[in-house]
Amino acid sequence: MTAAEDEDDFLDFTPLPAVESPCVSICRMKDGLCEGCGRTLDEIAEWSSATDARRRAILARIARAGR
């Protein structure tokens, strides 16, 4: 097996998250929400382990809040 084939196998088994983070690298908290992405500290902390369904729920809350 060549190195390229080995890398292709790795990529086949490494799924990318379906729901990307809303982070825009403006990380300042105001009134309990990040000024950049609109998430709470708890939402930011849970993002990396959240299911796609939970991530969509967070994004929906942000959208309802008009962010």
PDB file of N, CA and C in Angstrom:
ATOM      1  N   MET A   1       0.854  -1.177   0.000  1.00  0.00           N
ATOM      2  CA  MET A   1       0.000   0.000   0.000  1.00  0.00           C
ATOM      3  C   MET A   1       0.896   1.236   0.000  1.00  0.00           C
ATOM      4  N   THR A   2       0.566   2.198  -0.844  1.00  0.00           N
ATOM      5  CA  THR A   2       1.345   3.428  -0.913  1.00  0.00           C
ATOM      6  C   THR A   2       0.884   4.392   0.174  1.00  0.00           C
ATOM      7  N   ALA A   3       1.687   5.412   0.403  1.00  0.00           N
ATOM      8  CA  ALA A   3       1.333   6.417   1.406  1.00  0.00           C
ATOM      9  C   ALA A   3       0.030   7.117   1.028  1.00  0.00           C
ATOM     10  N   ALA A   4      -0.159   7.379  -0.258  1.00  0.00           N
ATOM     11  CA  ALA A   4      -1.390   8.044  -0.713  1.00  0.00           C
ATOM     12  C   ALA A   4      -2.607   7.174  -0.461  1.00  0.00           C
ATOM     13  N   GLU A   5      -2.485   5.870  -0.711  1.00  0.00           N
ATOM     14  CA  GLU A   5      -3.597   4.955  -0.446  1.00  0.00           C
ATOM     15  C   GLU A   5      -3.898   4.894   1.036  1.00  0.00           C
ATOM     16  N   ASP A   6      -2.856   4.892   1.861  1.00  0.00           N
ATOM     17  CA  ASP A   6      -3.031   4.860   3.310  1.00  0.00           C
ATOM     18  C   ASP A   6      -3.757   6.124   3.775  1.00  0.00           C
ATOM     19  N   GLU A   7      -3.398   7.267   3.216  1.00  0.00           N
ATOM     20  CA  GLU A   7      -4.051   8.527   3.573  1.00  0.00           C
ATOM     21  C   GLU A   7      -5.514   8.508   3.140  1.00  0.00           C
ATOM     22  N   ASP A   8      -5.798   7.971   1.960  1.00  0.00           N
ATOM     23  CA  ASP A   8      -7.182   7.871   1.505  1.00  0.00           C
ATOM     24  C   ASP A   8      -8.010   7.022   2.465  1.00  0.00           C
ATOM     25  N   ASP A   9      -7.443   5.916   2.960  1.00  0.00           N
ATOM     26  CA  ASP A   9      -8.149   5.079   3.925  1.00  0.00           C
ATOM     27  C   ASP A   9      -8.449   5.860   5.198  1.00  0.00           C
ATOM     28  N   PHE A  10      -7.490   6.655   5.660  1.00  0.00           N
ATOM     29  CA  PHE A  10      -7.688   7.460   6.867  1.00  0.00           C
ATOM     30  C   PHE A  10      -8.845   8.424   6.669  1.00  0.00           C
ATOM     31  N   LEU A  11      -8.885   9.081   5.519  1.00  0.00           N
ATOM     32  CA  LEU A  11      -9.948  10.046   5.255  1.00  0.00           C
ATOM     33  C   LEU A  11     -11.310   9.378   5.159  1.00  0.00           C
ATOM     34  N   ASP A  12     -11.357   8.154   4.685  1.00  0.00           N
ATOM     35  CA  ASP A  12     -12.624   7.424   4.604  1.00  0.00           C
ATOM     36  C   ASP A  12     -13.217   7.166   5.984  1.00  0.00           C
ATOM     37  N   PHE A  13     -12.383   7.050   7.001  1.00  0.00           N
ATOM     38  CA  PHE A  13     -12.847   6.717   8.343  1.00  0.00           C
ATOM     39  C   PHE A  13     -12.856   7.931   9.271  1.00  0.00           C
ATOM     40  N   THR A  14     -12.627   9.117   8.744  1.00  0.00           N
ATOM     41  CA  THR A  14     -12.604  10.323   9.556  1.00  0.00           C
ATOM     42  C   THR A  14     -13.712  11.250   9.086  1.00  0.00           C
ATOM     43  N   PRO A  15     -14.914  11.103   9.660  1.00  0.00           N
ATOM     44  CA  PRO A  15     -16.032  11.926   9.190  1.00  0.00           C
ATOM     45  C   PRO A  15     -15.862  13.388   9.611  1.00  0.00           C
ATOM     46  N   LEU A  16     -16.251  14.267   8.738  1.00  0.00           N
ATOM     47  CA  LEU A  16     -16.262  15.685   9.060  1.00  0.00           C
ATOM     48  C   LEU A  16     -17.597  16.005   9.713  1.00  0.00           C
ATOM     49  N   PRO A  17     -17.603  16.948  10.635  1.00  0.00           N
ATOM     50  CA  PRO A  17     -18.883  17.305  11.253  1.00  0.00           C
ATOM     51  C   PRO A  17     -19.826  17.881  10.210  1.00  0.00           C
ATOM     52  N   ALA A  18     -21.075  17.480  10.279  1.00  0.00           N
ATOM     53  CA  ALA A  18     -22.064  17.943   9.308  1.00  0.00           C
ATOM     54  C   ALA A  18     -22.498  19.373   9.603  1.00  0.00           C
ATOM     55  N   VAL A  19     -22.410  19.780  10.848  1.00  0.00           N
ATOM     56  CA  VAL A  19     -22.837  21.119  11.247  1.00  0.00           C
ATOM     57  C   VAL A  19     -21.608  21.866  11.745  1.00  0.00           C
ATOM     58  N   GLU A  20     -21.195  22.860  10.988  1.00  0.00           N
ATOM     59  CA  GLU A  20     -19.996  23.623  11.320  1.00  0.00           C
ATOM     60  C   GLU A  20     -20.267  24.638  12.426  1.00  0.00           C
ATOM     61  N   SER A  21     -19.222  24.994  13.128  1.00  0.00           N
ATOM     62  CA  SER A  21     -19.305  25.976  14.190  1.00  0.00           C
ATOM     63  C   SER A  21     -19.625  27.358  13.637  1.00  0.00           C
ATOM     64  N   PRO A  22     -20.434  28.125  14.357  1.00  0.00           N
ATOM     65  CA  PRO A  22     -20.728  29.487  13.923  1.00  0.00           C
ATOM     66  C   PRO A  22     -19.648  30.491  14.344  1.00  0.00           C
ATOM     67  N   CYS A  23     -18.571  30.007  14.948  1.00  0.00           N
ATOM     68  CA  CYS A  23     -17.515  30.885  15.446  1.00  0.00           C
ATOM     69  C   CYS A  23     -16.932  31.730  14.316  1.00  0.00           C
ATOM     70  N   VAL A  24     -16.794  33.040  14.587  1.00  0.00           N
ATOM     71  CA  VAL A  24     -16.186  33.961  13.625  1.00  0.00           C
ATOM     72  C   VAL A  24     -14.959  34.643  14.232  1.00  0.00           C
ATOM     73  N   SER A  25     -14.438  34.050  15.297  1.00  0.00           N
ATOM     74  CA  SER A  25     -13.224  34.526  15.976  1.00  0.00           C
ATOM     75  C   SER A  25     -13.354  35.938  16.540  1.00  0.00           C
ATOM     76  N   ILE A  26     -14.550  36.291  16.949  1.00  0.00           N
ATOM     77  CA  ILE A  26     -14.772  37.521  17.710  1.00  0.00           C
ATOM     78  C   ILE A  26     -15.314  37.057  19.056  1.00  0.00           C
ATOM     79  N   CYS A  27     -14.426  36.701  19.936  1.00  0.00           N
ATOM     80  CA  CYS A  27     -14.800  36.016  21.177  1.00  0.00           C
ATOM     81  C   CYS A  27     -14.854  36.992  22.349  1.00  0.00           C
ATOM     82  N   ARG A  28     -15.990  37.668  22.479  1.00  0.00           N
ATOM     83  CA  ARG A  28     -16.231  38.573  23.597  1.00  0.00           C
ATOM     84  C   ARG A  28     -17.637  38.299  24.120  1.00  0.00           C
ATOM     85  N   MET A  29     -17.741  38.149  25.422  1.00  0.00           N
ATOM     86  CA  MET A  29     -19.041  37.888  26.025  1.00  0.00           C
ATOM     87  C   MET A  29     -19.689  39.198  26.451  1.00  0.00           C
ATOM     88  N   LYS A  30     -20.987  39.331  26.130  1.00  0.00           N
ATOM     89  CA  LYS A  30     -21.770  40.487  26.556  1.00  0.00           C
ATOM     90  C   LYS A  30     -23.179  40.002  26.847  1.00  0.00           C
ATOM     91  N   ASP A  31     -23.650  40.267  28.037  1.00  0.00           N
ATOM     92  CA  ASP A  31     -24.999  39.869  28.448  1.00  0.00           C
ATOM     93  C   ASP A  31     -25.215  38.363  28.300  1.00  0.00           C
ATOM     94  N   GLY A  32     -24.163  37.580  28.554  1.00  0.00           N
ATOM     95  CA  GLY A  32     -24.273  36.123  28.533  1.00  0.00           C
ATOM     96  C   GLY A  32     -24.132  35.472  27.173  1.00  0.00           C
ATOM     97  N   LEU A  33     -23.889  36.271  26.129  1.00  0.00           N
ATOM     98  CA  LEU A  33     -23.744  35.728  24.779  1.00  0.00           C
ATOM     99  C   LEU A  33     -22.442  36.202  24.156  1.00  0.00           C
ATOM    100  N   CYS A  34     -21.865  35.362  23.314  1.00  0.00           N
ATOM    101  CA  CYS A  34     -20.678  35.743  22.567  1.00  0.00           C
ATOM    102  C   CYS A  34     -21.096  36.768  21.515  1.00  0.00           C
ATOM    103  N   GLU A  35     -20.376  37.881  21.443  1.00  0.00           N
ATOM    104  CA  GLU A  35     -20.703  38.916  20.458  1.00  0.00           C
ATOM    105  C   GLU A  35     -20.468  38.439  19.028  1.00  0.00           C
ATOM    106  N   GLY A  36     -19.583  37.478  18.850  1.00  0.00           N
ATOM    107  CA  GLY A  36     -19.274  36.992  17.512  1.00  0.00           C
ATOM    108  C   GLY A  36     -20.276  35.985  16.976  1.00  0.00           C
ATOM    109  N   CYS A  37     -20.546  34.942  17.766  1.00  0.00           N
ATOM    110  CA  CYS A  37     -21.370  33.838  17.248  1.00  0.00           C
ATOM    111  C   CYS A  37     -22.756  33.751  17.878  1.00  0.00           C
ATOM    112  N   GLY A  38     -22.974  34.438  18.977  1.00  0.00           N
ATOM    113  CA  GLY A  38     -24.284  34.428  19.607  1.00  0.00           C
ATOM    114  C   GLY A  38     -24.550  33.275  20.549  1.00  0.00           C
ATOM    115  N   ARG A  39     -23.518  32.437  20.792  1.00  0.00           N
ATOM    116  CA  ARG A  39     -23.716  31.303  21.698  1.00  0.00           C
ATOM    117  C   ARG A  39     -23.440  31.702  23.147  1.00  0.00           C
ATOM    118  N   THR A  40     -24.044  30.945  24.064  1.00  0.00           N
ATOM    119  CA  THR A  40     -23.746  31.100  25.484  1.00  0.00           C
ATOM    120  C   THR A  40     -22.442  30.366  25.784  1.00  0.00           C
ATOM    121  N   LEU A  41     -21.876  30.610  26.956  1.00  0.00           N
ATOM    122  CA  LEU A  41     -20.663  29.875  27.353  1.00  0.00           C
ATOM    123  C   LEU A  41     -20.925  28.378  27.401  1.00  0.00           C
ATOM    124  N   ASP A  42     -22.081  27.975  27.898  1.00  0.00           N
ATOM    125  CA  ASP A  42     -22.410  26.551  27.959  1.00  0.00           C
ATOM    126  C   ASP A  42     -22.487  25.944  26.554  1.00  0.00           C
ATOM    127  N   GLU A  43     -23.086  26.670  25.615  1.00  0.00           N
ATOM    128  CA  GLU A  43     -23.184  26.168  24.244  1.00  0.00           C
ATOM    129  C   GLU A  43     -21.804  26.054  23.597  1.00  0.00           C
ATOM    130  N   ILE A  44     -20.951  27.024  23.851  1.00  0.00           N
ATOM    131  CA  ILE A  44     -19.587  26.979  23.316  1.00  0.00           C
ATOM    132  C   ILE A  44     -18.848  25.778  23.889  1.00  0.00           C
ATOM    133  N   ALA A  45     -18.988  25.563  25.193  1.00  0.00           N
ATOM    134  CA  ALA A  45     -18.286  24.462  25.856  1.00  0.00           C
ATOM    135  C   ALA A  45     -18.757  23.098  25.361  1.00  0.00           C
ATOM    136  N   GLU A  46     -20.026  22.957  25.061  1.00  0.00           N
ATOM    137  CA  GLU A  46     -20.554  21.654  24.646  1.00  0.00           C
ATOM    138  C   GLU A  46     -20.415  21.393  23.150  1.00  0.00           C
ATOM    139  N   TRP A  47     -20.100  22.405  22.359  1.00  0.00           N
ATOM    140  CA  TRP A  47     -20.130  22.288  20.903  1.00  0.00           C
ATOM    141  C   TRP A  47     -19.317  21.108  20.389  1.00  0.00           C
ATOM    142  N   SER A  48     -18.104  20.933  20.870  1.00  0.00           N
ATOM    143  CA  SER A  48     -17.225  19.888  20.313  1.00  0.00           C
ATOM    144  C   SER A  48     -17.764  18.480  20.544  1.00  0.00           C
ATOM    145  N   SER A  49     -18.562  18.282  21.560  1.00  0.00           N
ATOM    146  CA  SER A  49     -19.102  16.946  21.824  1.00  0.00           C
ATOM    147  C   SER A  49     -20.594  16.827  21.493  1.00  0.00           C
ATOM    148  N   ALA A  50     -21.188  17.916  21.027  1.00  0.00           N
ATOM    149  CA  ALA A  50     -22.626  17.925  20.724  1.00  0.00           C
ATOM    150  C   ALA A  50     -22.933  17.125  19.464  1.00  0.00           C
ATOM    151  N   THR A  51     -24.092  16.515  19.451  1.00  0.00           N
ATOM    152  CA  THR A  51     -24.561  15.824  18.244  1.00  0.00           C
ATOM    153  C   THR A  51     -24.939  16.877  17.208  1.00  0.00           C
ATOM    154  N   ASP A  52     -25.067  16.448  15.965  1.00  0.00           N
ATOM    155  CA  ASP A  52     -25.496  17.382  14.928  1.00  0.00           C
ATOM    156  C   ASP A  52     -26.880  17.938  15.235  1.00  0.00           C
ATOM    157  N   ALA A  53     -27.754  17.123  15.815  1.00  0.00           N
ATOM    158  CA  ALA A  53     -29.096  17.596  16.176  1.00  0.00           C
ATOM    159  C   ALA A  53     -29.005  18.710  17.216  1.00  0.00           C
ATOM    160  N   ARG A  54     -28.151  18.536  18.207  1.00  0.00           N
ATOM    161  CA  ARG A  54     -27.980  19.570  19.235  1.00  0.00           C
ATOM    162  C   ARG A  54     -27.366  20.828  18.624  1.00  0.00           C
ATOM    163  N   ARG A  55     -26.403  20.652  17.726  1.00  0.00           N
ATOM    164  CA  ARG A  55     -25.795  21.815  17.077  1.00  0.00           C
ATOM    165  C   ARG A  55     -26.839  22.587  16.275  1.00  0.00           C
ATOM    166  N   ARG A  56     -27.712  21.864  15.571  1.00  0.00           N
ATOM    167  CA  ARG A  56     -28.772  22.540  14.824  1.00  0.00           C
ATOM    168  C   ARG A  56     -29.718  23.285  15.762  1.00  0.00           C
ATOM    169  N   ALA A  57     -29.982  22.712  16.936  1.00  0.00           N
ATOM    170  CA  ALA A  57     -30.847  23.377  17.918  1.00  0.00           C
ATOM    171  C   ALA A  57     -30.203  24.675  18.413  1.00  0.00           C
ATOM    172  N   ILE A  58     -28.908  24.647  18.630  1.00  0.00           N
ATOM    173  CA  ILE A  58     -28.198  25.856  19.058  1.00  0.00           C
ATOM    174  C   ILE A  58     -28.269  26.910  17.957  1.00  0.00           C
ATOM    175  N   LEU A  59     -28.019  26.502  16.716  1.00  0.00           N
ATOM    176  CA  LEU A  59     -28.077  27.446  15.597  1.00  0.00           C
ATOM    177  C   LEU A  59     -29.485  28.009  15.426  1.00  0.00           C
ATOM    178  N   ALA A  60     -30.505  27.190  15.655  1.00  0.00           N
ATOM    179  CA  ALA A  60     -31.892  27.653  15.557  1.00  0.00           C
ATOM    180  C   ALA A  60     -32.185  28.682  16.630  1.00  0.00           C
ATOM    181  N   ARG A  61     -31.688  28.459  17.852  1.00  0.00           N
ATOM    182  CA  ARG A  61     -31.895  29.422  18.935  1.00  0.00           C
ATOM    183  C   ARG A  61     -31.244  30.753  18.579  1.00  0.00           C
ATOM    184  N   ILE A  62     -30.032  30.684  18.007  1.00  0.00           N
ATOM    185  CA  ILE A  62     -29.331  31.908  17.611  1.00  0.00           C
ATOM    186  C   ILE A  62     -30.145  32.645  16.546  1.00  0.00           C
ATOM    187  N   ALA A  63     -30.662  31.904  15.568  1.00  0.00           N
ATOM    188  CA  ALA A  63     -31.462  32.515  14.499  1.00  0.00           C
ATOM    189  C   ALA A  63     -32.742  33.158  15.045  1.00  0.00           C
ATOM    190  N   ARG A  64     -33.398  32.456  15.985  1.00  0.00           N
ATOM    191  CA  ARG A  64     -34.620  33.026  16.590  1.00  0.00           C
ATOM    192  C   ARG A  64     -34.314  34.312  17.338  1.00  0.00           C
ATOM    193  N   ALA A  65     -33.107  34.396  17.909  1.00  0.00           N
ATOM    194  CA  ALA A  65     -32.709  35.579  18.656  1.00  0.00           C
ATOM    195  C   ALA A  65     -32.307  36.721  17.716  1.00  0.00           C
ATOM    196  N   GLY A  66     -32.284  36.437  16.415  1.00  0.00           N
ATOM    197  CA  GLY A  66     -31.981  37.472  15.451  1.00  0.00           C
ATOM    198  C   GLY A  66     -30.504  37.745  15.269  1.00  0.00           C
ATOM    199  N   ARG A  67     -29.698  36.724  15.463  1.00  0.00           N
ATOM    200  CA  ARG A  67     -28.241  36.893  15.325  1.00  0.00           C
ATOM    201  C   ARG A  67     -27.825  36.591  13.924  1.00  0.00           C
TER     202      ARG A  67
END
